[in-house]
Protein backbone atom coordinates (compact mmCIF):
# COMPACT_ATOMS: atom_id res chain seq x y z
CA MET A 1 135.02 -2.05 124.54
CA THR A 2 132.27 -1.82 121.92
CA ILE A 3 131.24 -5.11 120.34
CA LYS A 4 131.20 -5.00 116.55
CA LEU A 5 128.73 -7.02 114.50
CA HIS A 6 129.48 -7.42 110.81
CA CYS A 7 126.00 -7.57 109.32
CA PHE A 8 123.55 -6.24 106.74
CA GLY A 9 119.90 -5.36 107.05
CA GLU A 10 118.50 -7.88 104.58
CA SER A 11 119.90 -10.85 106.52
CA GLY A 12 117.54 -12.55 108.92
CA ASN A 13 120.44 -14.49 110.37
CA ALA A 14 122.25 -11.25 111.10
CA TYR A 15 119.05 -9.90 112.62
CA LYS A 16 118.98 -12.74 115.15
CA ALA A 17 122.40 -11.66 116.40
CA ALA A 18 121.72 -7.93 116.21
CA LEU A 19 118.41 -8.21 118.05
CA ALA A 20 120.02 -10.25 120.83
CA LEU A 21 122.71 -7.60 121.20
CA GLU A 22 120.22 -4.73 121.13
CA LEU A 23 117.85 -6.24 123.70
CA SER A 24 120.71 -7.34 125.94
CA GLY A 25 121.82 -3.78 126.63
CA LEU A 26 125.42 -4.55 125.69
CA ASP A 27 127.45 -1.83 123.97
CA TRP A 28 127.62 -2.75 120.30
CA GLU A 29 127.67 -1.28 116.82
CA PRO A 30 126.91 -2.68 113.37
CA VAL A 31 129.57 -2.86 110.66
CA PHE A 32 128.00 -2.94 107.20
CA VAL A 33 128.78 -5.95 105.03
CA ASP A 34 128.11 -5.32 101.33
CA PHE A 35 126.78 -8.81 100.69
CA PHE A 36 125.00 -7.90 97.46
CA GLY A 37 128.17 -6.22 96.23
CA GLY A 38 130.06 -9.47 96.71
CA GLU A 39 132.06 -8.51 99.81
CA THR A 40 131.71 -11.88 101.56
CA ARG A 41 133.11 -13.65 98.48
CA THR A 42 136.34 -11.65 98.42
CA PRO A 43 139.66 -13.14 99.58
CA GLU A 44 140.06 -10.17 101.92
CA TYR A 45 136.80 -10.87 103.73
CA ARG A 46 137.62 -14.55 104.11
CA ALA A 47 141.11 -13.76 105.37
CA ASP A 48 140.26 -10.88 107.69
CA ILE A 49 136.65 -11.38 108.81
CA ASN A 50 135.32 -14.92 108.33
CA GLU A 51 136.90 -17.81 106.48
CA MET A 52 133.40 -19.23 105.93
CA GLY A 53 132.50 -16.22 103.80
CA GLU A 54 129.35 -15.48 105.79
CA ALA A 55 127.72 -12.84 107.94
CA PRO A 56 127.01 -12.15 110.76
CA VAL A 57 130.36 -12.05 112.52
CA LEU A 58 130.81 -10.76 116.07
CA VAL A 59 134.10 -9.22 117.17
CA ASP A 60 134.65 -8.34 120.83
CA GLY A 61 138.27 -7.40 121.39
CA ASP A 62 140.30 -10.53 120.68
CA PHE A 63 137.20 -12.72 120.57
CA ARG A 64 135.55 -13.47 117.25
CA THR A 65 132.77 -15.83 116.25
CA SER A 66 130.22 -16.32 113.50
CA GLN A 67 126.91 -18.17 113.12
CA SER A 68 123.92 -16.52 114.75
CA GLY A 69 123.41 -19.27 117.34
CA CYS A 70 127.00 -18.97 118.54
CA ILE A 71 126.69 -15.20 118.71
CA GLN A 72 123.47 -15.47 120.71
CA ALA A 73 125.16 -17.87 123.12
CA TYR A 74 128.01 -15.39 123.57
CA VAL A 75 125.54 -12.57 124.24
CA THR A 76 123.89 -14.74 126.89
CA GLU A 77 127.23 -15.55 128.51
CA LYS A 78 128.22 -11.89 128.58
CA SER A 79 124.87 -10.34 129.56
CA GLY A 80 123.18 -13.12 131.51
CA LYS A 81 120.05 -12.72 129.35
CA PHE A 82 118.06 -15.03 127.05
CA GLY A 83 119.19 -18.27 128.64
CA GLY A 84 117.11 -20.79 130.55
CA LYS A 85 116.57 -21.07 134.27
CA THR A 86 117.48 -24.75 134.36
CA ARG A 87 119.74 -27.21 132.56
CA GLU A 88 116.66 -28.67 130.93
CA ASP A 89 115.59 -25.23 129.72
CA ASN A 90 118.99 -24.61 128.16
CA TYR A 91 118.85 -27.86 126.23
CA GLU A 92 115.33 -27.02 125.09
CA ILE A 93 116.51 -23.60 123.90
CA LEU A 94 119.35 -25.27 121.99
CA ARG A 95 116.90 -27.76 120.49
CA TRP A 96 114.75 -24.96 119.09
CA VAL A 97 117.73 -22.95 117.84
CA LEU A 98 118.96 -26.01 115.93
CA TRP A 99 115.44 -26.72 114.63
CA ASP A 100 115.21 -23.14 113.43
CA ASN A 101 118.57 -23.29 111.70
CA HIS A 102 117.79 -26.56 109.91
CA LYS A 103 114.06 -26.46 109.29
CA PHE A 104 112.83 -22.87 109.55
CA SER A 105 115.21 -19.98 108.91
CA SER A 106 117.15 -21.98 106.34
CA MET A 107 113.99 -22.40 104.25
CA ALA A 108 112.65 -18.89 104.94
CA GLY A 109 115.92 -17.19 104.02
CA LEU A 110 116.37 -19.22 100.85
CA THR A 111 112.77 -18.78 99.71
CA ARG A 112 112.81 -15.05 100.39
CA PHE A 113 116.05 -14.73 98.42
CA LEU A 114 114.67 -16.72 95.47
CA MET A 115 111.48 -14.67 95.36
CA ASN A 116 112.88 -11.20 95.91
CA PHE A 117 116.61 -10.90 95.33
CA LEU A 118 117.43 -13.42 92.59
CA PRO A 119 117.03 -12.04 89.05
CA GLU A 120 113.53 -12.86 87.89
CA GLN A 121 114.64 -15.07 85.00
CA HIS A 122 116.33 -17.42 87.49
CA ARG A 123 113.34 -17.84 89.82
CA ASP A 124 112.16 -21.45 89.51
CA PRO A 125 108.49 -21.68 90.58
CA ASN A 126 108.81 -25.40 91.30
CA VAL A 127 111.68 -24.86 93.71
CA ILE A 128 109.84 -21.99 95.38
CA ALA A 129 106.67 -24.08 95.74
CA PHE A 130 108.65 -26.98 97.25
CA ASN A 131 110.32 -24.67 99.75
CA GLN A 132 107.02 -23.07 100.68
CA GLY A 133 105.58 -26.50 101.37
CA ARG A 134 108.39 -27.22 103.82
CA LEU A 135 107.90 -23.79 105.38
CA LYS A 136 104.19 -24.41 105.86
CA ALA A 137 105.05 -27.52 107.87
CA ALA A 138 107.47 -25.49 109.98
CA TYR A 139 104.89 -22.74 110.58
CA ALA A 140 102.45 -25.40 111.74
CA THR A 141 105.01 -26.87 114.16
CA LEU A 142 105.80 -23.50 115.72
CA ASN A 143 102.19 -22.33 115.79
CA ALA A 144 101.07 -25.50 117.58
CA HIS A 145 103.91 -25.23 120.09
CA LEU A 146 102.92 -21.65 120.92
CA ASP A 147 99.30 -22.57 121.58
CA GLY A 148 98.86 -21.71 125.27
CA ARG A 149 102.43 -20.38 125.60
CA ASP A 150 103.82 -16.86 125.59
CA TRP A 151 107.36 -17.97 124.74
CA ILE A 152 108.97 -20.97 123.07
CA VAL A 153 110.79 -22.03 126.25
CA GLY A 154 109.93 -21.04 129.81
CA ASP A 155 108.23 -17.86 130.93
CA GLY A 156 110.38 -15.23 129.23
CA ILE A 157 112.11 -14.39 125.96
CA THR A 158 115.11 -16.61 125.19
CA ASN A 159 117.44 -17.32 122.31
CA ALA A 160 114.86 -19.77 121.01
CA ASP A 161 112.51 -16.86 120.36
CA LEU A 162 115.24 -14.59 119.00
CA SER A 163 116.33 -17.30 116.61
CA CYS A 164 112.94 -18.39 115.31
CA CYS A 165 111.66 -14.85 114.71
CA GLY A 166 114.64 -13.92 112.53
CA TYR A 167 112.89 -13.76 109.16
CA LEU A 168 109.31 -13.16 110.20
CA TYR A 169 109.32 -9.36 110.44
CA TYR A 170 110.57 -8.77 106.89
CA PRO A 171 108.13 -7.17 104.43
CA GLU A 172 109.25 -9.09 101.34
CA PRO A 173 106.93 -11.98 100.41
CA PHE A 174 108.08 -15.55 100.87
CA GLY A 175 104.86 -17.35 101.79
CA PHE A 176 104.30 -16.18 105.36
CA ASP A 177 101.17 -14.32 106.41
CA ARG A 178 100.87 -13.63 110.13
CA ALA A 179 97.09 -13.73 109.91
CA ASP A 180 97.23 -17.42 108.98
CA TRP A 181 99.08 -18.36 112.16
CA PRO A 182 97.43 -16.69 115.18
CA HIS A 183 99.76 -18.06 117.86
CA ILE A 184 102.84 -17.02 115.88
CA ASP A 185 101.24 -13.64 115.27
CA ALA A 186 100.64 -13.03 118.99
CA TRP A 187 104.16 -14.21 119.81
CA LEU A 188 105.71 -11.84 117.26
CA THR A 189 103.78 -8.99 118.85
CA ARG A 190 105.12 -9.96 122.29
CA ILE A 191 108.66 -9.86 120.91
CA SER A 192 108.19 -6.50 119.18
CA ASP A 193 106.71 -5.11 122.42
CA GLN A 194 110.03 -5.73 124.19
CA PRO A 195 111.78 -2.50 125.24
CA GLY A 196 114.41 -1.66 122.66
CA TRP A 197 113.02 -3.84 119.88
CA LYS A 198 113.73 -2.58 116.37
CA HIS A 199 112.76 -3.73 112.91
CA PRO A 200 115.69 -5.30 111.02
CA TYR A 201 115.92 -2.41 108.55
CA ASP A 202 116.09 0.03 111.46
CA LEU A 203 118.60 -2.01 113.45
CA MET A 204 121.20 -2.77 110.76
CA PRO A 205 122.56 -0.93 107.73
CA GLY A 206 121.47 -2.23 104.35
CA ASN A 207 118.03 -2.09 102.75
CA PRO A 208 116.67 -3.15 99.33
CA SER A 209 115.80 0.50 98.72
CA ASP A 210 119.53 1.26 98.75
CA ARG A 211 119.85 -0.70 95.48
CA SER A 212 116.67 0.44 93.77
């Protein structure tokens, strides 16, 4: 049975799930969510797809889950890929996924939205500057961790990598320049060199150009 992922191309959180599915080799297909058209805020979406009113959402037969970290864990359970080799590795992967969700992707996604998708008259430069300061600290943490390492945990790509890279391939500005962070830059190249890797706008339906 084909796994369905309710997603849209502009979402870095959806990209984390879609990239895990694509690189795993599992049979899956994207289902477009019209986030910018308000779909996730409709009663129908909350009743039929996700009561949290969010994307991504994975549906595999009778099984359904949301939140990118949960979806990645399901992909690992089903495919045997992107997990650790030891119990300690698995806890370290979880630690980085949680760090990403709380300190990294949360700030990157919000800042990118404020700078690119919010109507210009509502863009508060003080809020953006504050967020970018927090992001700079997160970039420094990840860049230092990757010094002398190919991957965040262990000797191969894991859900820690697939989670933390979620927003870093997008072209819209939000205060991230790969050239400023050489270890992150090299790591992103290693991920994009993986067989089957695709850019988020090539992997999922939905692109800012669709609304221009």
